[in-house]
């Protein structure tokens, strides 16, 4: 079994910054793409940013230029640096990872438990 444990959420004023971390633990062969999604009250979960095992990234238009996703493959950890935060960034942020348990098999998708990010004055 694989666990994704997030940290770094909290309350921040508009214009402020936060850094989220998500570490994968357990038994597996490799991790493909890792990423962050968010879900605001009354809204569907949406992609924020993803990063491939090779470092290719993609972002939601709403966060381009403000958020940066990165990963440390040696630590099986993905990060989300969030700058210039806006009230509309308020949501529960979920970590996501595509995990390959055994060489040559398909990946399984795992989710973290979510961490609350609140942007308010």
C-alpha atoms as a PDB file:
ATOM      1  CA  UNK A   1       0.000   0.000   0.000  1.00  0.00           C
ATOM      2  CA  UNK A   2       1.129   3.534  -0.737  1.00  0.00           C
ATOM      3  CA  UNK A   3       0.445   6.588   1.369  1.00  0.00           C
ATOM      4  CA  UNK A   4       0.650  10.218   0.298  1.00  0.00           C
ATOM      5  CA  UNK A   5       1.092  12.598   3.214  1.00  0.00           C
ATOM      6  CA  UNK A   6       0.618  16.311   2.600  1.00  0.00           C
ATOM      7  CA  UNK A   7       1.798  19.219   4.718  1.00  0.00           C
ATOM      8  CA  UNK A   8       2.145  22.972   4.515  1.00  0.00           C
ATOM      9  CA  UNK A   9      -1.407  24.254   4.305  1.00  0.00           C
ATOM     10  CA  UNK A  10      -2.771  27.036   6.450  1.00  0.00           C
ATOM     11  CA  UNK A  11      -4.115  30.557   6.581  1.00  0.00           C
ATOM     12  CA  UNK A  12      -2.344  33.281   4.624  1.00  0.00           C
ATOM     13  CA  UNK A  13      -3.171  36.847   3.658  1.00  0.00           C
ATOM     14  CA  UNK A  14      -3.776  37.824   0.040  1.00  0.00           C
ATOM     15  CA  UNK A  15      -0.465  38.298  -1.729  1.00  0.00           C
ATOM     16  CA  UNK A  16       1.268  35.884   0.596  1.00  0.00           C
ATOM     17  CA  UNK A  17       3.003  32.576  -0.070  1.00  0.00           C
ATOM     18  CA  UNK A  18       2.735  28.974   1.042  1.00  0.00           C
ATOM     19  CA  UNK A  19       4.646  25.834   0.169  1.00  0.00           C
ATOM     20  CA  UNK A  20       2.904  22.471   0.114  1.00  0.00           C
ATOM     21  CA  UNK A  21       4.738  19.176   0.334  1.00  0.00           C
ATOM     22  CA  UNK A  22       3.575  15.643  -0.367  1.00  0.00           C
ATOM     23  CA  UNK A  23       5.679  12.592   0.430  1.00  0.00           C
ATOM     24  CA  UNK A  24       4.923   9.122  -0.866  1.00  0.00           C
ATOM     25  CA  UNK A  25       5.722   6.115   1.304  1.00  0.00           C
ATOM     26  CA  UNK A  26       5.240   2.371   1.036  1.00  0.00           C
ATOM     27  CA  UNK A  27       6.354  -0.388  -1.313  1.00  0.00           C
ATOM     28  CA  UNK A  28       6.482   0.413  -5.017  1.00  0.00           C
ATOM     29  CA  UNK A  29       8.724   0.257  -8.078  1.00  0.00           C
ATOM     30  CA  UNK A  30       8.410   3.834  -9.323  1.00  0.00           C
ATOM     31  CA  UNK A  31       6.219   6.919  -9.437  1.00  0.00           C
ATOM     32  CA  UNK A  32       5.124   8.440 -12.713  1.00  0.00           C
ATOM     33  CA  UNK A  33       3.437  11.830 -12.695  1.00  0.00           C
ATOM     34  CA  UNK A  34       2.738  13.605  -9.429  1.00  0.00           C
ATOM     35  CA  UNK A  35       0.539  16.602  -8.991  1.00  0.00           C
ATOM     36  CA  UNK A  36      -1.806  18.811  -7.068  1.00  0.00           C
ATOM     37  CA  UNK A  37      -5.542  19.253  -7.365  1.00  0.00           C
ATOM     38  CA  UNK A  38      -7.863  21.474  -5.376  1.00  0.00           C
ATOM     39  CA  UNK A  39     -11.508  21.562  -4.444  1.00  0.00           C
ATOM     40  CA  UNK A  40     -13.321  24.630  -3.205  1.00  0.00           C
ATOM     41  CA  UNK A  41     -16.690  24.398  -1.417  1.00  0.00           C
ATOM     42  CA  UNK A  42     -19.459  23.658  -3.884  1.00  0.00           C
ATOM     43  CA  UNK A  43     -17.063  23.167  -6.772  1.00  0.00           C
ATOM     44  CA  UNK A  44     -15.552  20.184  -8.556  1.00  0.00           C
ATOM     45  CA  UNK A  45     -12.007  19.076  -7.947  1.00  0.00           C
ATOM     46  CA  UNK A  46      -9.680  20.682 -10.482  1.00  0.00           C
ATOM     47  CA  UNK A  47      -6.108  20.251 -11.606  1.00  0.00           C
ATOM     48  CA  UNK A  48      -3.669  22.830 -10.264  1.00  0.00           C
ATOM     49  CA  UNK A  49      -0.312  21.520 -11.488  1.00  0.00           C
ATOM     50  CA  UNK A  50       1.346  18.267 -12.503  1.00  0.00           C
ATOM     51  CA  UNK A  51       4.925  17.170 -13.039  1.00  0.00           C
ATOM     52  CA  UNK A  52       6.139  14.086 -14.853  1.00  0.00           C
ATOM     53  CA  UNK A  53       8.899  11.817 -13.628  1.00  0.00           C
ATOM     54  CA  UNK A  54      11.168  13.596 -16.111  1.00  0.00           C
ATOM     55  CA  UNK A  55      10.257  17.060 -14.879  1.00  0.00           C
ATOM     56  CA  UNK A  56       7.775  18.234 -17.508  1.00  0.00           C
ATOM     57  CA  UNK A  57       5.103  20.422 -15.976  1.00  0.00           C
ATOM     58  CA  UNK A  58       1.655  21.719 -16.752  1.00  0.00           C
ATOM     59  CA  UNK A  59      -0.485  24.225 -14.871  1.00  0.00           C
ATOM     60  CA  UNK A  60      -4.028  25.457 -14.691  1.00  0.00           C
ATOM     61  CA  UNK A  61      -4.327  28.826 -16.421  1.00  0.00           C
ATOM     62  CA  UNK A  62      -5.476  30.404 -13.166  1.00  0.00           C
ATOM     63  CA  UNK A  63      -2.171  29.691 -11.411  1.00  0.00           C
ATOM     64  CA  UNK A  64       0.367  30.136 -14.208  1.00  0.00           C
ATOM     65  CA  UNK A  65       3.102  32.545 -13.192  1.00  0.00           C
ATOM     66  CA  UNK A  66       2.198  32.291  -9.504  1.00  0.00           C
ATOM     67  CA  UNK A  67       2.569  28.602  -8.613  1.00  0.00           C
ATOM     68  CA  UNK A  68       5.523  26.308  -9.218  1.00  0.00           C
ATOM     69  CA  UNK A  69       5.437  22.526  -8.974  1.00  0.00           C
ATOM     70  CA  UNK A  70       8.639  20.561  -8.398  1.00  0.00           C
ATOM     71  CA  UNK A  71       9.671  17.132  -7.185  1.00  0.00           C
ATOM     72  CA  UNK A  72      12.527  15.341  -5.504  1.00  0.00           C
ATOM     73  CA  UNK A  73      12.567  11.831  -6.928  1.00  0.00           C
ATOM     74  CA  UNK A  74      15.072  10.617  -4.338  1.00  0.00           C
ATOM     75  CA  UNK A  75      12.608  11.571  -1.603  1.00  0.00           C
ATOM     76  CA  UNK A  76       9.459  10.611  -3.535  1.00  0.00           C
ATOM     77  CA  UNK A  77       8.164  14.080  -2.750  1.00  0.00           C
ATOM     78  CA  UNK A  78       6.317  16.691  -4.754  1.00  0.00           C
ATOM     79  CA  UNK A  79       6.117  20.364  -3.817  1.00  0.00           C
ATOM     80  CA  UNK A  80       3.857  23.242  -4.720  1.00  0.00           C
ATOM     81  CA  UNK A  81       5.230  26.728  -4.180  1.00  0.00           C
ATOM     82  CA  UNK A  82       2.319  29.161  -4.171  1.00  0.00           C
ATOM     83  CA  UNK A  83       3.033  32.875  -4.461  1.00  0.00           C
ATOM     84  CA  UNK A  84       0.802  35.916  -4.849  1.00  0.00           C
ATOM     85  CA  UNK A  85      -2.070  33.996  -3.339  1.00  0.00           C
ATOM     86  CA  UNK A  86      -5.604  35.208  -3.934  1.00  0.00           C
ATOM     87  CA  UNK A  87      -8.831  34.562  -2.007  1.00  0.00           C
ATOM     88  CA  UNK A  88     -10.028  32.449  -4.942  1.00  0.00           C
ATOM     89  CA  UNK A  89      -7.139  30.050  -4.276  1.00  0.00           C
ATOM     90  CA  UNK A  90      -8.891  29.009  -1.072  1.00  0.00           C
ATOM     91  CA  UNK A  91      -9.583  25.274  -1.261  1.00  0.00           C
ATOM     92  CA  UNK A  92      -8.573  21.870  -0.014  1.00  0.00           C
ATOM     93  CA  UNK A  93      -5.465  20.850  -1.921  1.00  0.00           C
ATOM     94  CA  UNK A  94      -4.953  17.184  -2.735  1.00  0.00           C
ATOM     95  CA  UNK A  95      -1.751  15.446  -3.766  1.00  0.00           C
ATOM     96  CA  UNK A  96      -1.964  12.862  -6.554  1.00  0.00           C
ATOM     97  CA  UNK A  97       0.499  10.284  -7.821  1.00  0.00           C
ATOM     98  CA  UNK A  98       0.613   7.530 -10.414  1.00  0.00           C
ATOM     99  CA  UNK A  99       2.417   4.621  -8.762  1.00  0.00           C
ATOM    100  CA  UNK A 100       3.853   1.530 -10.441  1.00  0.00           C
ATOM    101  CA  UNK A 101       4.027  -1.302  -7.923  1.00  0.00           C
ATOM    102  CA  UNK A 102       5.948  -3.787 -10.048  1.00  0.00           C
ATOM    103  CA  UNK A 103       8.104  -3.305 -13.149  1.00  0.00           C
ATOM    104  CA  UNK A 104       6.067  -3.654 -16.328  1.00  0.00           C
ATOM    105  CA  UNK A 105       2.660  -3.251 -14.714  1.00  0.00           C
ATOM    106  CA  UNK A 106       0.133  -0.477 -14.963  1.00  0.00           C
ATOM    107  CA  UNK A 107       0.144   2.435 -12.607  1.00  0.00           C
ATOM    108  CA  UNK A 108      -2.343   2.942  -9.822  1.00  0.00           C
ATOM    109  CA  UNK A 109      -3.580   6.359  -8.843  1.00  0.00           C
ATOM    110  CA  UNK A 110      -3.277   7.479  -5.231  1.00  0.00           C
ATOM    111  CA  UNK A 111      -4.568  10.533  -3.435  1.00  0.00           C
ATOM    112  CA  UNK A 112      -3.525  12.298  -0.288  1.00  0.00           C
ATOM    113  CA  UNK A 113      -5.968  13.227   2.459  1.00  0.00           C
ATOM    114  CA  UNK A 114      -5.983  16.903   1.526  1.00  0.00           C
ATOM    115  CA  UNK A 115      -4.689  20.031   3.200  1.00  0.00           C
ATOM    116  CA  UNK A 116      -6.670  23.230   3.673  1.00  0.00           C
ATOM    117  CA  UNK A 117      -5.372  26.462   2.167  1.00  0.00           C
ATOM    118  CA  UNK A 118      -7.252  29.603   3.161  1.00  0.00           C
ATOM    119  CA  UNK A 119      -6.410  32.997   1.708  1.00  0.00           C
ATOM    120  CA  UNK A 120      -8.073  35.768   3.654  1.00  0.00           C
ATOM    121  CA  UNK A 121      -7.330  39.014   5.403  1.00  0.00           C
END
